[in-house]
């Protein structure tokens, strides 16, 4: 996939010097080209980071920590580039839409990206397509999350008031499926350990008395 850019202006390290007297059509064409630039940068940096991870492993973590870019943004670009092979990427489909299909199997990625390209789907519509596919592959794709959260709630109810109040602030509804599941498992372990510590403390108090 190659991209030829025709921007009516001059790029500098701090901006874009735009030529005076642009027509509306020229402005619209330039805007479309700039969106391509954005996608090119995301793919290029994602591919570069994925290459670094394959060849240097954890050594690139230090480079990311010291970088001026947001760590989460960089890891997201790396993840998408690593999951969506160059042969599957569609030039007319935005990076954001590719990010939505990244968790899918390659065949499903192809199917959704092809539909997104032909029907000009929005990011939200692509997300709905992904949810539909994931929903057909399990009776209830959110069941493991709900089960984990139910376990958290049961264990949290047993904790002393301060710990209960702290964990009550956790709201996982805004996380994606994988993140929510991992967080729920981690906090389940956390709450169980707190409960064990609380019981040990109560036992020590009884022994002292």
C-alpha atoms as a PDB file:
ATOM      1  CA  UNK A   1       0.000   0.000   0.000  1.00  0.00           C
ATOM      2  CA  UNK A   2       1.491   3.331  -1.071  1.00  0.00           C
ATOM      3  CA  UNK A   3       0.125   6.829  -0.549  1.00  0.00           C
ATOM      4  CA  UNK A   4       0.806   9.868  -2.724  1.00  0.00           C
ATOM      5  CA  UNK A   5       0.113  13.129  -0.939  1.00  0.00           C
ATOM      6  CA  UNK A   6      -0.788  16.418  -2.580  1.00  0.00           C
ATOM      7  CA  UNK A   7      -1.056  19.039   0.142  1.00  0.00           C
ATOM      8  CA  UNK A   8      -1.424  22.708  -0.932  1.00  0.00           C
ATOM      9  CA  UNK A   9       1.085  23.932   1.595  1.00  0.00           C
ATOM     10  CA  UNK A  10       4.504  23.435   3.136  1.00  0.00           C
ATOM     11  CA  UNK A  11       5.175  21.205   6.133  1.00  0.00           C
ATOM     12  CA  UNK A  12       7.447  22.461   8.905  1.00  0.00           C
ATOM     13  CA  UNK A  13       8.460  20.850  12.196  1.00  0.00           C
ATOM     14  CA  UNK A  14       5.810  22.899  13.988  1.00  0.00           C
ATOM     15  CA  UNK A  15       2.928  23.069  11.532  1.00  0.00           C
ATOM     16  CA  UNK A  16       1.688  23.526   7.994  1.00  0.00           C
ATOM     17  CA  UNK A  17       2.024  26.731   5.994  1.00  0.00           C
ATOM     18  CA  UNK A  18      -1.159  26.761   3.909  1.00  0.00           C
ATOM     19  CA  UNK A  19      -1.259  28.460   0.535  1.00  0.00           C
ATOM     20  CA  UNK A  20      -3.598  31.440   0.358  1.00  0.00           C
ATOM     21  CA  UNK A  21      -6.687  31.458  -1.843  1.00  0.00           C
ATOM     22  CA  UNK A  22      -7.721  27.810  -1.551  1.00  0.00           C
ATOM     23  CA  UNK A  23     -11.079  26.938  -3.078  1.00  0.00           C
ATOM     24  CA  UNK A  24     -13.564  24.884  -1.089  1.00  0.00           C
ATOM     25  CA  UNK A  25     -12.826  21.811  -3.216  1.00  0.00           C
ATOM     26  CA  UNK A  26      -9.084  22.247  -2.691  1.00  0.00           C
ATOM     27  CA  UNK A  27      -9.631  22.546   1.052  1.00  0.00           C
ATOM     28  CA  UNK A  28     -11.731  19.356   1.117  1.00  0.00           C
ATOM     29  CA  UNK A  29      -9.166  17.483  -0.961  1.00  0.00           C
ATOM     30  CA  UNK A  30      -6.386  18.686   1.324  1.00  0.00           C
ATOM     31  CA  UNK A  31      -8.313  17.572   4.402  1.00  0.00           C
ATOM     32  CA  UNK A  32      -8.728  14.091   2.913  1.00  0.00           C
ATOM     33  CA  UNK A  33      -4.991  14.004   2.222  1.00  0.00           C
ATOM     34  CA  UNK A  34      -4.134  15.070   5.782  1.00  0.00           C
ATOM     35  CA  UNK A  35      -6.267  12.257   7.157  1.00  0.00           C
ATOM     36  CA  UNK A  36      -4.173   9.926   5.018  1.00  0.00           C
ATOM     37  CA  UNK A  37      -1.035  11.401   6.566  1.00  0.00           C
ATOM     38  CA  UNK A  38      -2.409  10.638  10.019  1.00  0.00           C
ATOM     39  CA  UNK A  39      -3.087   7.021   9.056  1.00  0.00           C
ATOM     40  CA  UNK A  40       0.343   6.641   7.469  1.00  0.00           C
ATOM     41  CA  UNK A  41       2.038   7.862  10.657  1.00  0.00           C
ATOM     42  CA  UNK A  42       0.005   5.508  12.860  1.00  0.00           C
ATOM     43  CA  UNK A  43       0.743   2.486  10.673  1.00  0.00           C
ATOM     44  CA  UNK A  44       4.413   3.413  10.261  1.00  0.00           C
ATOM     45  CA  UNK A  45       5.015   3.921  13.975  1.00  0.00           C
ATOM     46  CA  UNK A  46       2.988   0.827  14.839  1.00  0.00           C
ATOM     47  CA  UNK A  47       4.996  -1.319  12.409  1.00  0.00           C
ATOM     48  CA  UNK A  48       8.246   0.164  13.724  1.00  0.00           C
ATOM     49  CA  UNK A  49       7.328  -0.598  17.330  1.00  0.00           C
ATOM     50  CA  UNK A  50       6.114  -4.105  16.470  1.00  0.00           C
ATOM     51  CA  UNK A  51       9.444  -4.745  14.733  1.00  0.00           C
ATOM     52  CA  UNK A  52      11.297  -3.497  17.803  1.00  0.00           C
ATOM     53  CA  UNK A  53       9.298  -5.758  20.090  1.00  0.00           C
ATOM     54  CA  UNK A  54       9.896  -8.813  17.886  1.00  0.00           C
ATOM     55  CA  UNK A  55      13.625  -8.216  17.730  1.00  0.00           C
ATOM     56  CA  UNK A  56      14.471  -6.559  21.048  1.00  0.00           C
ATOM     57  CA  UNK A  57      11.659  -7.589  23.363  1.00  0.00           C
ATOM     58  CA  UNK A  58      11.392  -5.704  26.632  1.00  0.00           C
ATOM     59  CA  UNK A  59      14.303  -3.451  25.708  1.00  0.00           C
ATOM     60  CA  UNK A  60      11.918  -1.177  23.782  1.00  0.00           C
ATOM     61  CA  UNK A  61       9.868  -0.556  26.954  1.00  0.00           C
ATOM     62  CA  UNK A  62      12.485   1.905  28.190  1.00  0.00           C
ATOM     63  CA  UNK A  63      12.342   3.769  24.884  1.00  0.00           C
ATOM     64  CA  UNK A  64       8.568   4.066  25.190  1.00  0.00           C
ATOM     65  CA  UNK A  65       8.786   5.272  28.779  1.00  0.00           C
ATOM     66  CA  UNK A  66      11.210   8.011  27.770  1.00  0.00           C
ATOM     67  CA  UNK A  67       9.206   9.037  24.697  1.00  0.00           C
ATOM     68  CA  UNK A  68       7.202  12.242  24.330  1.00  0.00           C
ATOM     69  CA  UNK A  69       4.218  10.289  23.017  1.00  0.00           C
ATOM     70  CA  UNK A  70       1.538   8.883  25.295  1.00  0.00           C
ATOM     71  CA  UNK A  71       2.484   5.306  26.264  1.00  0.00           C
ATOM     72  CA  UNK A  72      -1.043   3.989  25.768  1.00  0.00           C
ATOM     73  CA  UNK A  73      -1.217   5.509  22.284  1.00  0.00           C
ATOM     74  CA  UNK A  74       2.072   3.929  21.245  1.00  0.00           C
ATOM     75  CA  UNK A  75       1.156   0.495  22.590  1.00  0.00           C
ATOM     76  CA  UNK A  76      -2.193   0.694  20.799  1.00  0.00           C
ATOM     77  CA  UNK A  77      -0.489   1.469  17.474  1.00  0.00           C
ATOM     78  CA  UNK A  78       1.929  -1.400  18.056  1.00  0.00           C
ATOM     79  CA  UNK A  79      -0.893  -3.788  18.940  1.00  0.00           C
ATOM     80  CA  UNK A  80      -2.965  -2.962  15.845  1.00  0.00           C
ATOM     81  CA  UNK A  81       0.039  -3.141  13.503  1.00  0.00           C
ATOM     82  CA  UNK A  82       1.031  -6.480  14.993  1.00  0.00           C
ATOM     83  CA  UNK A  83      -2.466  -7.936  14.723  1.00  0.00           C
ATOM     84  CA  UNK A  84      -3.506  -6.701  11.271  1.00  0.00           C
ATOM     85  CA  UNK A  85      -1.111  -7.919   8.593  1.00  0.00           C
ATOM     86  CA  UNK A  86      -0.138  -5.489   5.833  1.00  0.00           C
ATOM     87  CA  UNK A  87      -1.830  -7.738   3.272  1.00  0.00           C
ATOM     88  CA  UNK A  88      -5.170  -7.164   5.007  1.00  0.00           C
ATOM     89  CA  UNK A  89      -5.020  -3.413   5.460  1.00  0.00           C
ATOM     90  CA  UNK A  90      -7.342  -1.269   3.334  1.00  0.00           C
ATOM     91  CA  UNK A  91      -6.139   2.130   2.186  1.00  0.00           C
ATOM     92  CA  UNK A  92      -9.660   3.576   2.147  1.00  0.00           C
ATOM     93  CA  UNK A  93     -10.414   2.304   5.668  1.00  0.00           C
ATOM     94  CA  UNK A  94      -9.145   4.379   8.587  1.00  0.00           C
ATOM     95  CA  UNK A  95      -6.660   3.163  11.175  1.00  0.00           C
ATOM     96  CA  UNK A  96      -9.366   3.484  13.848  1.00  0.00           C
ATOM     97  CA  UNK A  97     -11.537   0.959  12.020  1.00  0.00           C
ATOM     98  CA  UNK A  98      -8.606  -1.425  11.662  1.00  0.00           C
ATOM     99  CA  UNK A  99      -8.088  -1.057  15.423  1.00  0.00           C
ATOM    100  CA  UNK A 100     -11.646  -2.273  16.001  1.00  0.00           C
ATOM    101  CA  UNK A 101     -11.088  -5.494  14.022  1.00  0.00           C
ATOM    102  CA  UNK A 102      -7.613  -6.192  15.462  1.00  0.00           C
ATOM    103  CA  UNK A 103      -8.859  -8.725  18.090  1.00  0.00           C
ATOM    104  CA  UNK A 104     -10.592 -10.852  15.423  1.00  0.00           C
ATOM    105  CA  UNK A 105      -9.251 -13.844  13.526  1.00  0.00           C
ATOM    106  CA  UNK A 106      -7.644 -12.960  10.160  1.00  0.00           C
ATOM    107  CA  UNK A 107     -10.621 -14.281   8.184  1.00  0.00           C
ATOM    108  CA  UNK A 108     -13.066 -12.227  10.229  1.00  0.00           C
ATOM    109  CA  UNK A 109     -10.826  -9.181   9.886  1.00  0.00           C
ATOM    110  CA  UNK A 110     -10.989  -9.536   6.108  1.00  0.00           C
ATOM    111  CA  UNK A 111     -14.753  -9.873   6.122  1.00  0.00           C
ATOM    112  CA  UNK A 112     -15.391  -6.806   8.298  1.00  0.00           C
ATOM    113  CA  UNK A 113     -12.786  -4.649   6.550  1.00  0.00           C
ATOM    114  CA  UNK A 114     -14.221  -5.554   3.169  1.00  0.00           C
ATOM    115  CA  UNK A 115     -17.700  -4.585   4.343  1.00  0.00           C
ATOM    116  CA  UNK A 116     -16.376  -1.371   5.883  1.00  0.00           C
ATOM    117  CA  UNK A 117     -14.719  -0.487   2.583  1.00  0.00           C
ATOM    118  CA  UNK A 118     -17.693  -1.302   0.366  1.00  0.00           C
ATOM    119  CA  UNK A 119     -20.379   0.208   2.583  1.00  0.00           C
ATOM    120  CA  UNK A 120     -18.295   3.049   4.059  1.00  0.00           C
ATOM    121  CA  UNK A 121     -19.106   1.966   7.610  1.00  0.00           C
ATOM    122  CA  UNK A 122     -18.443   4.301  10.521  1.00  0.00           C
ATOM    123  CA  UNK A 123     -16.187   3.297  13.427  1.00  0.00           C
ATOM    124  CA  UNK A 124     -19.270   2.587  15.506  1.00  0.00           C
ATOM    125  CA  UNK A 125     -20.767   0.384  12.796  1.00  0.00           C
ATOM    126  CA  UNK A 126     -17.489  -1.534  12.508  1.00  0.00           C
ATOM    127  CA  UNK A 127     -17.505  -1.972  16.291  1.00  0.00           C
ATOM    128  CA  UNK A 128     -21.036  -3.375  16.090  1.00  0.00           C
ATOM    129  CA  UNK A 129     -19.920  -5.827  13.390  1.00  0.00           C
ATOM    130  CA  UNK A 130     -17.064  -6.990  15.614  1.00  0.00           C
ATOM    131  CA  UNK A 131     -19.398  -7.423  18.583  1.00  0.00           C
ATOM    132  CA  UNK A 132     -21.785  -9.475  16.459  1.00  0.00           C
ATOM    133  CA  UNK A 133     -18.994 -11.797  15.319  1.00  0.00           C
ATOM    134  CA  UNK A 134     -17.634 -12.263  18.823  1.00  0.00           C
ATOM    135  CA  UNK A 135     -21.144 -12.867  20.099  1.00  0.00           C
ATOM    136  CA  UNK A 136     -21.709 -15.753  17.682  1.00  0.00           C
ATOM    137  CA  UNK A 137     -18.590 -17.523  18.918  1.00  0.00           C
ATOM    138  CA  UNK A 138     -19.756 -17.793  22.503  1.00  0.00           C
ATOM    139  CA  UNK A 139     -23.161 -18.086  24.115  1.00  0.00           C
ATOM    140  CA  UNK A 140     -22.455 -15.039  26.240  1.00  0.00           C
ATOM    141  CA  UNK A 141     -19.179 -13.163  25.559  1.00  0.00           C
ATOM    142  CA  UNK A 142     -19.596 -11.110  28.735  1.00  0.00           C
ATOM    143  CA  UNK A 143     -20.389 -13.997  31.061  1.00  0.00           C
ATOM    144  CA  UNK A 144     -16.808 -14.355  32.332  1.00  0.00           C
ATOM    145  CA  UNK A 145     -16.723 -10.652  33.170  1.00  0.00           C
ATOM    146  CA  UNK A 146     -20.012 -10.815  35.056  1.00  0.00           C
ATOM    147  CA  UNK A 147     -18.956 -13.958  36.905  1.00  0.00           C
ATOM    148  CA  UNK A 148     -15.679 -12.326  37.952  1.00  0.00           C
ATOM    149  CA  UNK A 149     -17.403  -9.124  39.030  1.00  0.00           C
ATOM    150  CA  UNK A 150     -19.974 -11.137  41.002  1.00  0.00           C
ATOM    151  CA  UNK A 151     -17.109 -12.866  42.802  1.00  0.00           C
ATOM    152  CA  UNK A 152     -15.522  -9.489  43.526  1.00  0.00           C
ATOM    153  CA  UNK A 153     -18.771  -8.169  44.968  1.00  0.00           C
ATOM    154  CA  UNK A 154     -19.140 -11.188  47.233  1.00  0.00           C
ATOM    155  CA  UNK A 155     -15.578 -10.908  48.509  1.00  0.00           C
ATOM    156  CA  UNK A 156     -15.693  -7.135  48.859  1.00  0.00           C
ATOM    157  CA  UNK A 157     -18.795  -7.452  51.035  1.00  0.00           C
ATOM    158  CA  UNK A 158     -16.674  -9.402  53.521  1.00  0.00           C
ATOM    159  CA  UNK A 159     -13.951  -6.758  53.771  1.00  0.00           C
ATOM    160  CA  UNK A 160     -13.582  -4.076  56.463  1.00  0.00           C
ATOM    161  CA  UNK A 161     -15.187  -0.718  55.613  1.00  0.00           C
ATOM    162  CA  UNK A 162     -12.076   1.155  54.298  1.00  0.00           C
ATOM    163  CA  UNK A 163     -11.158  -1.546  51.789  1.00  0.00           C
ATOM    164  CA  UNK A 164     -14.791  -1.928  50.737  1.00  0.00           C
ATOM    165  CA  UNK A 165     -15.085   1.792  50.074  1.00  0.00           C
ATOM    166  CA  UNK A 166     -11.873   1.811  48.026  1.00  0.00           C
ATOM    167  CA  UNK A 167     -12.921  -1.064  45.792  1.00  0.00           C
ATOM    168  CA  UNK A 168     -16.421   0.337  45.388  1.00  0.00           C
ATOM    169  CA  UNK A 169     -14.882   3.167  43.360  1.00  0.00           C
ATOM    170  CA  UNK A 170     -13.909   0.704  40.635  1.00  0.00           C
ATOM    171  CA  UNK A 171     -16.169   0.902  37.578  1.00  0.00           C
ATOM    172  CA  UNK A 172     -15.184  -1.459  34.778  1.00  0.00           C
ATOM    173  CA  UNK A 173     -18.012  -0.616  32.395  1.00  0.00           C
ATOM    174  CA  UNK A 174     -15.801   1.699  30.356  1.00  0.00           C
ATOM    175  CA  UNK A 175     -13.124  -0.927  29.667  1.00  0.00           C
ATOM    176  CA  UNK A 176     -12.989  -3.206  26.652  1.00  0.00           C
ATOM    177  CA  UNK A 177     -13.639  -6.928  27.078  1.00  0.00           C
ATOM    178  CA  UNK A 178     -10.045  -8.074  27.588  1.00  0.00           C
ATOM    179  CA  UNK A 179      -9.065  -5.227  29.911  1.00  0.00           C
ATOM    180  CA  UNK A 180     -12.183  -5.621  32.034  1.00  0.00           C
ATOM    181  CA  UNK A 181     -11.627  -9.347  32.359  1.00  0.00           C
ATOM    182  CA  UNK A 182      -7.979  -8.949  33.392  1.00  0.00           C
ATOM    183  CA  UNK A 183      -8.834  -6.188  35.844  1.00  0.00           C
ATOM    184  CA  UNK A 184     -11.621  -8.213  37.360  1.00  0.00           C
ATOM    185  CA  UNK A 185      -9.305 -11.189  37.906  1.00  0.00           C
ATOM    186  CA  UNK A 186      -6.621  -8.969  39.434  1.00  0.00           C
ATOM    187  CA  UNK A 187      -9.033  -7.255  41.814  1.00  0.00           C
ATOM    188  CA  UNK A 188     -10.552 -10.599  42.745  1.00  0.00           C
ATOM    189  CA  UNK A 189      -7.112 -11.760  43.865  1.00  0.00           C
ATOM    190  CA  UNK A 190      -6.552  -8.408  45.581  1.00  0.00           C
ATOM    191  CA  UNK A 191      -9.805  -8.618  47.531  1.00  0.00           C
ATOM    192  CA  UNK A 192      -9.155 -12.220  48.537  1.00  0.00           C
ATOM    193  CA  UNK A 193      -5.714 -11.309  49.874  1.00  0.00           C
ATOM    194  CA  UNK A 194      -7.176  -8.392  51.825  1.00  0.00           C
ATOM    195  CA  UNK A 195      -9.788 -10.677  53.306  1.00  0.00           C
ATOM    196  CA  UNK A 196      -7.130 -13.182  54.365  1.00  0.00           C
ATOM    197  CA  UNK A 197      -5.071 -10.410  55.943  1.00  0.00           C
ATOM    198  CA  UNK A 198      -8.137  -9.134  57.784  1.00  0.00           C
ATOM    199  CA  UNK A 199      -8.873 -12.590  59.193  1.00  0.00           C
ATOM    200  CA  UNK A 200      -5.263 -12.997  60.336  1.00  0.00           C
ATOM    201  CA  UNK A 201      -5.443  -9.652  62.106  1.00  0.00           C
ATOM    202  CA  UNK A 202      -8.664 -10.640  63.866  1.00  0.00           C
ATOM    203  CA  UNK A 203      -7.073 -13.919  64.950  1.00  0.00           C
ATOM    204  CA  UNK A 204      -4.041 -12.082  66.380  1.00  0.00           C
ATOM    205  CA  UNK A 205      -6.313  -9.736  68.324  1.00  0.00           C
ATOM    206  CA  UNK A 206      -8.150 -12.694  69.880  1.00  0.00           C
ATOM    207  CA  UNK A 207      -4.849 -14.319  70.862  1.00  0.00           C
ATOM    208  CA  UNK A 208      -3.672 -11.115  72.537  1.00  0.00           C
ATOM    209  CA  UNK A 209      -6.879 -10.867  74.537  1.00  0.00           C
END
